[in-house]
Amino acid sequence: MRRFHVLITDDEELAILGLEEGIDWESLEVEKVYKCHSKDTAIRMLERYPVDIMITDIEMPNGSGLELIRWVREQRPGIHAVFYTGHADFSYAQEALRLGVDDYLLKPVPYDELEEIVRKIIKKIRVEEKTVDLSELAEDCADEDAGAVVDQVKKLIAENLSVGNLQRDELAAMVHVSPGHLSRIFKKETGMSLSDYIMKKRIAVAKQLLAKTSLSVTSITQRVGISYSSYFTRIFKEQTGMTPQEYRQSHR
């Protein structure tokens, strides 16, 4: 039986130590607890490690937990999340629930309550994985036309590119296959993951808009479904070697 990986994000070292030592991770079947102190570091760790559950403070310097979960929903939608904060602000709870977090706690974090939340999340993940396994078995036996399914998904992506939270699960539901099966056949047919394909399409459309329109970078960021201009600029430069402004200048 597989074990789970958790990421704790908080700018206060004592808070992280408290969660690390105050929770009985072994009894929760958690194999690895990763720790970091900022949104940007969390993103780098999420890109590198197979995290199942993220536990994060909302208020941190250089990027909030809300910004972090928005990135997660776009890039790693399968990760479950728990938020906590030192301020009983209803707007925080509202936004956290809107973004699909599993639960929301106030500091000081009650360890027994957090343990129970993590236990429920792990039980939910196991049920989801069992359901997916059964569904994939049925799909394999049915020998579906993978090429047709992938073409349909590509069309859906093109039609909904401005939607920031293009999730694998929703796309899979639209074409009536399981998320895991969609990931597998998409990678097999295209040579890239679904999330990488979506980002490449976003950047391709952004390049056209930069070259052929006078829209601002902020407007283009929104049109291609990316939440933040700073994140868009970083990804654009990684994929093209230029900032959006440099790209636009070179195509004038």
C-alpha atoms as a PDB file:
ATOM      1  CA  MET A   1       0.000   0.000   0.000  1.00  0.00           C
ATOM      2  CA  ARG A   2       1.446   3.329  -1.058  1.00  0.00           C
ATOM      3  CA  ARG A   3       2.286   6.080   1.410  1.00  0.00           C
ATOM      4  CA  PHE A   4       1.782   9.804   1.040  1.00  0.00           C
ATOM      5  CA  HIS A   5       3.795  13.008   0.692  1.00  0.00           C
ATOM      6  CA  VAL A   6       2.891  16.317   2.391  1.00  0.00           C
ATOM      7  CA  LEU A   7       4.205  19.856   1.822  1.00  0.00           C
ATOM      8  CA  ILE A   8       4.040  22.423   4.672  1.00  0.00           C
ATOM      9  CA  THR A   9       4.474  26.097   3.702  1.00  0.00           C
ATOM     10  CA  ASP A  10       4.887  28.827   6.333  1.00  0.00           C
ATOM     11  CA  ASP A  11       7.301  31.762   6.649  1.00  0.00           C
ATOM     12  CA  GLU A  12       7.619  31.065  10.408  1.00  0.00           C
ATOM     13  CA  GLU A  13      10.111  28.284  11.201  1.00  0.00           C
ATOM     14  CA  LEU A  14       8.530  27.616  14.613  1.00  0.00           C
ATOM     15  CA  ALA A  15       5.132  27.062  12.998  1.00  0.00           C
ATOM     16  CA  ILE A  16       6.637  24.503  10.625  1.00  0.00           C
ATOM     17  CA  LEU A  17       8.463  22.728  13.465  1.00  0.00           C
ATOM     18  CA  GLY A  18       5.247  22.640  15.454  1.00  0.00           C
ATOM     19  CA  LEU A  19       3.360  20.951  12.630  1.00  0.00           C
ATOM     20  CA  GLU A  20       6.247  18.620  11.860  1.00  0.00           C
ATOM     21  CA  GLU A  21       6.588  17.420  15.454  1.00  0.00           C
ATOM     22  CA  GLY A  22       3.020  17.864  16.686  1.00  0.00           C
ATOM     23  CA  ILE A  23       1.392  15.611  14.091  1.00  0.00           C
ATOM     24  CA  ASP A  24       1.773  11.823  14.174  1.00  0.00           C
ATOM     25  CA  TRP A  25       2.597  11.524  10.481  1.00  0.00           C
ATOM     26  CA  GLU A  26       3.512   7.850  10.760  1.00  0.00           C
ATOM     27  CA  SER A  27       0.007   6.916  11.902  1.00  0.00           C
ATOM     28  CA  LEU A  28      -1.385   8.889   8.948  1.00  0.00           C
ATOM     29  CA  GLU A  29       0.666   6.794   6.484  1.00  0.00           C
ATOM     30  CA  VAL A  30       2.682   9.866   5.486  1.00  0.00           C
ATOM     31  CA  GLU A  31       6.125   8.873   4.248  1.00  0.00           C
ATOM     32  CA  LYS A  32       7.635  12.311   3.561  1.00  0.00           C
ATOM     33  CA  VAL A  33       6.998  15.811   4.921  1.00  0.00           C
ATOM     34  CA  TYR A  34       8.526  18.577   2.787  1.00  0.00           C
ATOM     35  CA  LYS A  35       8.946  22.073   4.272  1.00  0.00           C
ATOM     36  CA  CYS A  36       9.402  25.529   2.777  1.00  0.00           C
ATOM     37  CA  HIS A  37       8.975  29.186   3.730  1.00  0.00           C
ATOM     38  CA  SER A  38       7.514  31.007   0.694  1.00  0.00           C
ATOM     39  CA  LYS A  39       5.136  30.687  -2.235  1.00  0.00           C
ATOM     40  CA  ASP A  40       7.931  30.635  -4.822  1.00  0.00           C
ATOM     41  CA  THR A  41       9.862  27.894  -3.012  1.00  0.00           C
ATOM     42  CA  ALA A  42       6.644  25.895  -2.647  1.00  0.00           C
ATOM     43  CA  ILE A  43       6.055  26.086  -6.401  1.00  0.00           C
ATOM     44  CA  ARG A  44       9.582  24.862  -7.119  1.00  0.00           C
ATOM     45  CA  MET A  45       9.088  21.943  -4.721  1.00  0.00           C
ATOM     46  CA  LEU A  46       5.688  21.088  -6.190  1.00  0.00           C
ATOM     47  CA  GLU A  47       7.274  21.008  -9.643  1.00  0.00           C
ATOM     48  CA  ARG A  48       9.994  18.671  -8.388  1.00  0.00           C
ATOM     49  CA  TYR A  49       8.348  16.348  -5.857  1.00  0.00           C
ATOM     50  CA  PRO A  50       5.200  14.156  -5.931  1.00  0.00           C
ATOM     51  CA  VAL A  51       3.111  15.972  -3.297  1.00  0.00           C
ATOM     52  CA  ASP A  52      -0.333  14.616  -2.366  1.00  0.00           C
ATOM     53  CA  ILE A  53      -1.395  17.141   0.293  1.00  0.00           C
ATOM     54  CA  MET A  54      -0.352  20.770   0.807  1.00  0.00           C
ATOM     55  CA  ILE A  55      -0.773  22.498   4.195  1.00  0.00           C
ATOM     56  CA  THR A  56      -0.113  26.234   3.982  1.00  0.00           C
ATOM     57  CA  ASP A  57      -0.406  29.492   5.857  1.00  0.00           C
ATOM     58  CA  ILE A  58      -2.340  32.158   3.951  1.00  0.00           C
ATOM     59  CA  GLU A  59      -0.367  35.241   4.970  1.00  0.00           C
ATOM     60  CA  MET A  60       3.294  35.152   3.914  1.00  0.00           C
ATOM     61  CA  PRO A  61       5.678  37.779   2.546  1.00  0.00           C
ATOM     62  CA  ASN A  62       6.421  37.643  -1.201  1.00  0.00           C
ATOM     63  CA  GLY A  63       3.226  35.858  -2.149  1.00  0.00           C
ATOM     64  CA  SER A  64       0.231  34.541  -0.209  1.00  0.00           C
ATOM     65  CA  GLY A  65      -1.156  31.061   0.259  1.00  0.00           C
ATOM     66  CA  LEU A  66      -4.123  32.080  -1.896  1.00  0.00           C
ATOM     67  CA  GLU A  67      -1.770  32.856  -4.793  1.00  0.00           C
ATOM     68  CA  LEU A  68      -0.101  29.499  -4.198  1.00  0.00           C
ATOM     69  CA  ILE A  69      -3.360  27.548  -4.378  1.00  0.00           C
ATOM     70  CA  ARG A  70      -4.348  29.375  -7.565  1.00  0.00           C
ATOM     71  CA  TRP A  71      -1.102  28.130  -9.136  1.00  0.00           C
ATOM     72  CA  VAL A  72      -1.780  24.630  -7.822  1.00  0.00           C
ATOM     73  CA  ARG A  73      -5.285  24.581  -9.298  1.00  0.00           C
ATOM     74  CA  GLU A  74      -3.854  25.519 -12.702  1.00  0.00           C
ATOM     75  CA  GLN A  75      -0.746  23.326 -12.698  1.00  0.00           C
ATOM     76  CA  ARG A  76      -1.274  20.507 -10.138  1.00  0.00           C
ATOM     77  CA  PRO A  77      -5.080  20.153  -9.784  1.00  0.00           C
ATOM     78  CA  GLY A  78      -4.855  16.722  -8.162  1.00  0.00           C
ATOM     79  CA  ILE A  79      -3.195  18.061  -4.996  1.00  0.00           C
ATOM     80  CA  HIS A  80      -5.397  18.368  -1.899  1.00  0.00           C
ATOM     81  CA  ALA A  81      -4.947  21.496   0.234  1.00  0.00           C
ATOM     82  CA  VAL A  82      -5.532  22.676   3.813  1.00  0.00           C
ATOM     83  CA  PHE A  83      -5.249  26.383   4.712  1.00  0.00           C
ATOM     84  CA  TYR A  84      -4.642  28.019   8.064  1.00  0.00           C
ATOM     85  CA  THR A  85      -4.283  31.642   9.165  1.00  0.00           C
ATOM     86  CA  GLY A  86      -3.881  33.765  12.270  1.00  0.00           C
ATOM     87  CA  HIS A  87      -6.751  36.091  11.255  1.00  0.00           C
ATOM     88  CA  ALA A  88     -10.430  35.171  11.476  1.00  0.00           C
ATOM     89  CA  ASP A  89     -11.250  36.939   8.200  1.00  0.00           C
ATOM     90  CA  PHE A  90     -14.348  35.531   6.502  1.00  0.00           C
ATOM     91  CA  SER A  91     -13.156  36.718   3.087  1.00  0.00           C
ATOM     92  CA  TYR A  92     -10.128  34.397   3.415  1.00  0.00           C
ATOM     93  CA  ALA A  93     -12.366  31.435   4.142  1.00  0.00           C
ATOM     94  CA  GLN A  94     -14.663  32.341   1.250  1.00  0.00           C
ATOM     95  CA  GLU A  95     -11.800  32.541  -1.236  1.00  0.00           C
ATOM     96  CA  ALA A  96     -10.213  29.352   0.088  1.00  0.00           C
ATOM     97  CA  LEU A  97     -13.457  27.427  -0.344  1.00  0.00           C
ATOM     98  CA  ARG A  98     -13.983  28.902  -3.814  1.00  0.00           C
ATOM     99  CA  LEU A  99     -10.548  27.588  -4.784  1.00  0.00           C
ATOM    100  CA  GLY A 100     -11.520  24.104  -3.649  1.00  0.00           C
ATOM    101  CA  VAL A 101      -9.383  23.645  -0.522  1.00  0.00           C
ATOM    102  CA  ASP A 102     -10.314  20.657   1.626  1.00  0.00           C
ATOM    103  CA  ASP A 103     -10.403  22.525   4.935  1.00  0.00           C
ATOM    104  CA  TYR A 104      -9.576  25.808   6.693  1.00  0.00           C
ATOM    105  CA  LEU A 105      -8.143  26.284  10.222  1.00  0.00           C
ATOM    106  CA  LEU A 106      -7.280  29.184  12.504  1.00  0.00           C
ATOM    107  CA  LYS A 107      -3.959  29.520  14.360  1.00  0.00           C
ATOM    108  CA  PRO A 108      -2.867  28.142  16.699  1.00  0.00           C
ATOM    109  CA  VAL A 109      -3.487  25.011  14.655  1.00  0.00           C
ATOM    110  CA  PRO A 110      -5.160  22.262  16.752  1.00  0.00           C
ATOM    111  CA  TYR A 111      -2.995  19.244  15.949  1.00  0.00           C
ATOM    112  CA  ASP A 112      -5.684  16.651  16.670  1.00  0.00           C
ATOM    113  CA  GLU A 113      -8.096  18.445  14.349  1.00  0.00           C
ATOM    114  CA  LEU A 114      -5.487  18.711  11.595  1.00  0.00           C
ATOM    115  CA  GLU A 115      -4.666  15.004  11.988  1.00  0.00           C
ATOM    116  CA  GLU A 116      -8.319  14.128  11.483  1.00  0.00           C
ATOM    117  CA  ILE A 117      -8.516  16.370   8.394  1.00  0.00           C
ATOM    118  CA  VAL A 118      -5.436  14.725   6.863  1.00  0.00           C
ATOM    119  CA  ARG A 119      -6.810  11.273   7.703  1.00  0.00           C
ATOM    120  CA  LYS A 120     -10.059  12.064   5.869  1.00  0.00           C
ATOM    121  CA  ILE A 121      -8.164  13.447   2.853  1.00  0.00           C
ATOM    122  CA  ILE A 122      -6.034  10.296   2.621  1.00  0.00           C
ATOM    123  CA  LYS A 123      -9.141   8.122   2.814  1.00  0.00           C
ATOM    124  CA  LYS A 124     -10.676  10.211   0.026  1.00  0.00           C
ATOM    125  CA  ILE A 125      -7.534   9.843  -2.120  1.00  0.00           C
ATOM    126  CA  ARG A 126      -7.565   6.068  -1.681  1.00  0.00           C
ATOM    127  CA  VAL A 127     -11.217   5.893  -2.755  1.00  0.00           C
ATOM    128  CA  GLU A 128     -10.494   8.124  -5.759  1.00  0.00           C
ATOM    129  CA  GLU A 129      -7.525   5.978  -6.797  1.00  0.00           C
ATOM    130  CA  LYS A 130      -9.519   2.750  -6.467  1.00  0.00           C
ATOM    131  CA  THR A 131     -12.330   4.210  -8.570  1.00  0.00           C
ATOM    132  CA  VAL A 132      -9.868   5.386 -11.212  1.00  0.00           C
ATOM    133  CA  ASP A 133      -8.167   1.975 -11.317  1.00  0.00           C
ATOM    134  CA  LEU A 134     -11.495   0.230 -11.936  1.00  0.00           C
ATOM    135  CA  SER A 135     -12.491   2.790 -14.543  1.00  0.00           C
ATOM    136  CA  GLU A 136      -9.170   2.486 -16.361  1.00  0.00           C
ATOM    137  CA  LEU A 137      -9.485  -1.284 -16.404  1.00  0.00           C
ATOM    138  CA  ALA A 138     -12.867  -0.980 -18.081  1.00  0.00           C
ATOM    139  CA  GLU A 139     -11.481   1.550 -20.555  1.00  0.00           C
ATOM    140  CA  ASP A 140      -8.538  -0.672 -21.441  1.00  0.00           C
ATOM    141  CA  CYS A 141     -10.892  -3.587 -22.079  1.00  0.00           C
ATOM    142  CA  ALA A 142     -13.092  -1.399 -24.284  1.00  0.00           C
ATOM    143  CA  ASP A 143     -10.062  -0.466 -26.453  1.00  0.00           C
ATOM    144  CA  GLU A 144     -11.205   3.110 -27.022  1.00  0.00           C
ATOM    145  CA  ASP A 145     -10.074   5.200 -29.971  1.00  0.00           C
ATOM    146  CA  ALA A 146      -7.373   7.187 -28.182  1.00  0.00           C
ATOM    147  CA  GLY A 147      -6.667   9.438 -31.153  1.00  0.00           C
ATOM    148  CA  ALA A 148     -10.280  10.593 -31.395  1.00  0.00           C
ATOM    149  CA  VAL A 149     -10.443  11.287 -27.658  1.00  0.00           C
ATOM    150  CA  VAL A 150      -7.219  13.313 -27.739  1.00  0.00           C
ATOM    151  CA  ASP A 151      -8.401  15.307 -30.783  1.00  0.00           C
ATOM    152  CA  GLN A 152     -11.611  16.119 -28.946  1.00  0.00           C
ATOM    153  CA  VAL A 153      -9.668  17.264 -25.879  1.00  0.00           C
ATOM    154  CA  LYS A 154      -7.407  19.462 -28.028  1.00  0.00           C
ATOM    155  CA  LYS A 155     -10.508  21.110 -29.475  1.00  0.00           C
ATOM    156  CA  LEU A 156     -11.933  21.693 -25.985  1.00  0.00           C
ATOM    157  CA  ILE A 157      -8.652  23.241 -24.856  1.00  0.00           C
ATOM    158  CA  ALA A 158      -8.588  25.605 -27.863  1.00  0.00           C
ATOM    159  CA  GLU A 159     -12.189  26.651 -27.217  1.00  0.00           C
ATOM    160  CA  ASN A 160     -11.659  27.251 -23.489  1.00  0.00           C
ATOM    161  CA  LEU A 161      -8.101  28.585 -23.342  1.00  0.00           C
ATOM    162  CA  SER A 162      -9.139  31.779 -21.555  1.00  0.00           C
ATOM    163  CA  VAL A 163     -10.436  29.683 -18.655  1.00  0.00           C
ATOM    164  CA  GLY A 164      -7.687  29.896 -16.057  1.00  0.00           C
ATOM    165  CA  ASN A 165      -8.491  26.658 -14.270  1.00  0.00           C
ATOM    166  CA  LEU A 166      -8.560  24.170 -17.162  1.00  0.00           C
ATOM    167  CA  GLN A 167      -8.556  21.018 -15.057  1.00  0.00           C
ATOM    168  CA  ARG A 168      -7.754  17.521 -16.234  1.00  0.00           C
ATOM    169  CA  ASP A 169     -10.725  16.088 -14.323  1.00  0.00           C
ATOM    170  CA  GLU A 170     -13.198  18.413 -16.069  1.00  0.00           C
ATOM    171  CA  LEU A 171     -11.747  17.712 -19.520  1.00  0.00           C
ATOM    172  CA  ALA A 172     -11.905  13.976 -18.827  1.00  0.00           C
ATOM    173  CA  ALA A 173     -15.555  14.254 -17.791  1.00  0.00           C
ATOM    174  CA  MET A 174     -16.371  16.111 -21.030  1.00  0.00           C
ATOM    175  CA  VAL A 175     -15.005  13.255 -23.145  1.00  0.00           C
ATOM    176  CA  HIS A 176     -16.335  10.519 -20.815  1.00  0.00           C
ATOM    177  CA  VAL A 177     -13.063   8.926 -19.703  1.00  0.00           C
ATOM    178  CA  SER A 178     -11.279   8.828 -16.358  1.00  0.00           C
ATOM    179  CA  PRO A 179      -8.641  11.498 -15.570  1.00  0.00           C
ATOM    180  CA  GLY A 180      -5.869   8.909 -15.307  1.00  0.00           C
ATOM    181  CA  HIS A 181      -6.792   7.318 -18.643  1.00  0.00           C
ATOM    182  CA  LEU A 182      -6.879  10.742 -20.317  1.00  0.00           C
ATOM    183  CA  SER A 183      -3.399  11.576 -18.984  1.00  0.00           C
ATOM    184  CA  ARG A 184      -2.033   8.268 -20.249  1.00  0.00           C
ATOM    185  CA  ILE A 185      -3.461   8.395 -23.770  1.00  0.00           C
ATOM    186  CA  PHE A 186      -2.733  12.122 -24.155  1.00  0.00           C
ATOM    187  CA  LYS A 187       0.943  11.584 -23.324  1.00  0.00           C
ATOM    188  CA  LYS A 188       1.068   8.571 -25.642  1.00  0.00           C
ATOM    189  CA  GLU A 189      -0.546  10.446 -28.571  1.00  0.00           C
ATOM    190  CA  THR A 190       1.195  13.819 -28.214  1.00  0.00           C
ATOM    191  CA  GLY A 191       4.459  13.070 -26.417  1.00  0.00           C
ATOM    192  CA  MET A 192       3.708  15.620 -23.688  1.00  0.00           C
ATOM    193  CA  SER A 193       1.614  15.851 -20.550  1.00  0.00           C
ATOM    194  CA  LEU A 194      -1.793  17.504 -20.647  1.00  0.00           C
ATOM    195  CA  SER A 195      -0.637  20.406 -18.443  1.00  0.00           C
ATOM    196  CA  ASP A 196       2.443  21.017 -20.629  1.00  0.00           C
ATOM    197  CA  TYR A 197       0.281  21.003 -23.761  1.00  0.00           C
ATOM    198  CA  ILE A 198      -2.155  23.516 -22.264  1.00  0.00           C
ATOM    199  CA  MET A 199       0.693  25.842 -21.272  1.00  0.00           C
ATOM    200  CA  LYS A 200       2.288  25.587 -24.730  1.00  0.00           C
ATOM    201  CA  LYS A 201      -1.058  26.511 -26.299  1.00  0.00           C
ATOM    202  CA  ARG A 202      -1.386  29.485 -23.937  1.00  0.00           C
ATOM    203  CA  ILE A 203       2.082  30.709 -24.899  1.00  0.00           C
ATOM    204  CA  ALA A 204       1.422  30.152 -28.636  1.00  0.00           C
ATOM    205  CA  VAL A 205      -1.727  32.290 -28.507  1.00  0.00           C
ATOM    206  CA  ALA A 206       0.075  34.907 -26.402  1.00  0.00           C
ATOM    207  CA  LYS A 207       2.831  35.152 -29.058  1.00  0.00           C
ATOM    208  CA  GLN A 208       0.217  35.835 -31.729  1.00  0.00           C
ATOM    209  CA  LEU A 209      -1.443  38.525 -29.609  1.00  0.00           C
ATOM    210  CA  LEU A 210       1.889  40.158 -28.787  1.00  0.00           C
ATOM    211  CA  ALA A 211       2.928  40.250 -32.435  1.00  0.00           C
ATOM    212  CA  LYS A 212      -0.387  41.269 -34.009  1.00  0.00           C
ATOM    213  CA  THR A 213      -2.187  43.433 -31.435  1.00  0.00           C
ATOM    214  CA  SER A 214      -1.447  46.325 -29.103  1.00  0.00           C
ATOM    215  CA  LEU A 215      -3.102  44.653 -26.117  1.00  0.00           C
ATOM    216  CA  SER A 216      -1.255  45.099 -22.830  1.00  0.00           C
ATOM    217  CA  VAL A 217       0.640  42.201 -21.313  1.00  0.00           C
ATOM    218  CA  THR A 218      -1.930  42.132 -18.498  1.00  0.00           C
ATOM    219  CA  SER A 219      -4.803  41.818 -20.970  1.00  0.00           C
ATOM    220  CA  ILE A 220      -3.017  39.081 -22.899  1.00  0.00           C
ATOM    221  CA  THR A 221      -2.277  37.240 -19.642  1.00  0.00           C
ATOM    222  CA  GLN A 222      -6.002  37.180 -18.884  1.00  0.00           C
ATOM    223  CA  ARG A 223      -6.976  36.195 -22.436  1.00  0.00           C
ATOM    224  CA  VAL A 224      -4.783  33.106 -22.329  1.00  0.00           C
ATOM    225  CA  GLY A 225      -6.121  32.058 -18.930  1.00  0.00           C
ATOM    226  CA  ILE A 226      -3.142  32.789 -16.650  1.00  0.00           C
ATOM    227  CA  SER A 227      -3.879  34.468 -13.332  1.00  0.00           C
ATOM    228  CA  TYR A 228      -0.790  36.644 -12.819  1.00  0.00           C
ATOM    229  CA  SER A 229       1.318  38.714 -15.222  1.00  0.00           C
ATOM    230  CA  SER A 230       4.476  37.924 -13.255  1.00  0.00           C
ATOM    231  CA  TYR A 231       3.896  34.170 -13.593  1.00  0.00           C
ATOM    232  CA  PHE A 232       3.019  34.588 -17.295  1.00  0.00           C
ATOM    233  CA  THR A 233       6.220  36.575 -17.908  1.00  0.00           C
ATOM    234  CA  ARG A 234       8.361  33.926 -16.202  1.00  0.00           C
ATOM    235  CA  ILE A 235       6.817  31.047 -18.159  1.00  0.00           C
ATOM    236  CA  PHE A 236       6.933  33.008 -21.427  1.00  0.00           C
ATOM    237  CA  LYS A 237      10.641  33.704 -20.997  1.00  0.00           C
ATOM    238  CA  GLU A 238      11.353  30.065 -20.094  1.00  0.00           C
ATOM    239  CA  GLN A 239       9.700  28.901 -23.319  1.00  0.00           C
ATOM    240  CA  THR A 240      10.814  31.628 -25.751  1.00  0.00           C
ATOM    241  CA  GLY A 241      14.023  33.048 -24.268  1.00  0.00           C
ATOM    242  CA  MET A 242      12.477  36.531 -24.254  1.00  0.00           C
ATOM    243  CA  THR A 243      10.150  38.553 -22.072  1.00  0.00           C
ATOM    244  CA  PRO A 244       6.758  39.378 -23.614  1.00  0.00           C
ATOM    245  CA  GLN A 245       7.910  42.971 -24.200  1.00  0.00           C
ATOM    246  CA  GLU A 246      11.088  41.793 -25.926  1.00  0.00           C
ATOM    247  CA  TYR A 247       9.117  39.377 -28.089  1.00  0.00           C
ATOM    248  CA  ARG A 248       6.678  42.125 -29.113  1.00  0.00           C
ATOM    249  CA  GLN A 249       9.536  44.505 -29.958  1.00  0.00           C
ATOM    250  CA  SER A 250      11.291  41.875 -32.096  1.00  0.00           C
ATOM    251  CA  HIS A 251       8.129  41.326 -34.155  1.00  0.00           C
ATOM    252  CA  ARG A 252       7.322  44.964 -34.831  1.00  0.00           C
END
